[in-house]
Amino acid sequence: MAELLVGPLLRYAGTEDATIWVETDTPCWVEIRIEGTEACGRWTFSVSGHHYAIVHCEDLAPDAAAAYAVHLDGERVWPEPDSAFPPSVIRTHSGADGDKTHILFGSCRVSAPHEEPHSLRKDEHPEGREVDALVAMAQRMAMHPPEEWPHALLLLGDQVYADEVSPNVREFIRARRDPEVPPGETVADFEEYTQLYREAWGEPTIRWLLSTVPTAMIFDDHDVHDDWNTSVDWVRTMRGTGWWDRRIQGGFMSYLIYQHWGNLSPRELAEDRLFQLATDEQDVDLTEALQDFAYHADREVEGTRWSFYRDIGPARVVMLDSRAGRVLEPGVRRMVDPHEMRWISEHATGGVRHLLLGTSLPLFLTPALHDLEAWNEAVCDGAWGRTAAWAGEKVRQAADLEHWAAFGDSFKAMCDLIREVGTGARGEPPATIVALSGDVHHAYLAEVAFPRGTGMRSQVWQAVCSPFRNPLDGRERRMMRAAAKPGPAAVTRLLARSAGVGPPPVRWRYAHDEAWFDNQVASLVLEGRRATFLLERTEPPPDENGQLRLERVFEHSLT
């Protein structure tokens, strides 16, 4: 009898159709049986001995939650017997104007056991991560009817940590190779990536959450390696190791299977050249094709697009790859290569109620950090001479100075794009344009202002939520709080100007007093042209019944 190893994950959900993703232990026929409609099914395909399927289900009712079950070769494997959770549902969204749409978002979730020391703060114990905000959210959802559950969950990077694995994955690594040989107790290849995903998505509460809330995902550095694609020098160093090629190949292969294909609409999935190889025949082997693709995706940026878009209720979500598609040569740096930027411009348009720009790295950083990174890019490009450029490169890598501000031309291009959409040059302006981000291990909401006379008709915001589960320690929090003070901001502003960097084309400021540094999850609630941002943080420890709690810490209207 075939078994379900990972999933089911409800990935894409439209108004009348959806896709379900699974990994099984053997080749099999995967069938999704949905309450009130006909079953849908597909054969698995295989990659390096692992078996997967993405099943497209059609003719669903709009703005509804229909319970479903997963059958493998005719045997029901989900929901599990005696599950403590409600039945998993396929949650479609509404095409009607004015209906409420609830979108969760955030990033950075380390997979680790929940007992001590892992439930402690990092400054109390090296492996402490406190409690998981997504687990707390799922526990709360389970106590409410499906009609009140979120319509989507946007995972904005670091779904897995290839360079910081859990005790269980370390044991798996030790059992198959010598951990004294690089890359040591970090992920080496595709097989070890499959273990990361199995653990990250296999915790029972998270597994149920992912089975019932549609998800859209994008990677960030830790999905592959800390500081991934910081600079061309960094890339040359990594390619000079004896293990990098296997890591990046496994990273891209697993990302394509576990994350990216599920991001695509059924139409886009049917047009995907590689996915087309997974025909309706039983267990077609895609290993060789994916290995070749992954190698070239690392070596040739142009021609591979990880950015995608999805319409959710009144919102157009354009998810930007701000990690894998970078142009890194000094003087012509780009966060996104020109070909992909053209695609983003074509899909980030007006004519929608709300435009959401998902990017793992905040577009609008704390101003002091923005100016610091802009200064560093100018120095690395030779503003202070060759010796300073060499030193600037060392600083860039050591201090992780590789956000949008460190790719100044791309930052300005995004500001221009937002201005064009918000002034009506690309169709009827949205009520809000919101950049949704993670990465920086704190949360904030910033209002973005364009110069007077620009003619902006949209409200523009930067909303950041990080981490789900990986808080900064006390020293790191103090550093980030200090960076938000006026003094450091004035210093880095002068530093940037001294390197010839002009002021940014827009200004932004917090909509509150200070940022938040807890494990947390954010929401956007959309209703017609109205939008509200909500931030909730965990309240460890759990109560006597093991229930985690979320505390509402900030709520703000965006319209």
Foldseek 3Di string as FASTA:
>chain_A
DKAWLFAQFFADAAFWKTKTKTKIQDWWKKWKAWPPDHIWIFTWADAPNITMDIIMGGGHHGQDWIFIFIDTNRHTHPPHPPDPFDGATRGYYDQDAFDKAKEWEAEDDEQEDCDPPCQDFCVVPVNHWRDFLLLQVLLVVRVDDLSPDHQEYEYQACLFAQLDHYPVLLVVVVVPDPLVDPVHSGDQAQVSLVVRNSRSCVPVSNNSVRRHHHYAYAYDARLQHPCACLAPVVVVVLVPDPGNLRRQLSSQLCCVRVHQLSNDDPVVNCVDPLSVQSDRDHHHYSHVVSSVVSNVLQVPLPPDARWDWDDHHQEIETEHHQHSNWDHDQPQTASHDPVNVVVVLVRQAAPGQEYEYEHAFWLDDQLLLLLLLLLLSLQLNALPHDVSVVVSVVCCRVVVSRGNSNRVVNSQVVVVSLLCRQQQVRHDHHQEYEYEYEPPQWWFKKWKFADPPSRGNHTYIYTYHDDSIHFDHPVSVVVVQVSNDPVSSVVSNVSSVSSVHDDHRMDMDTPDDTIGRANKMKMWMDGRNWIKIWIWHWDDDAPPVRNIHIDTDDMDIRD
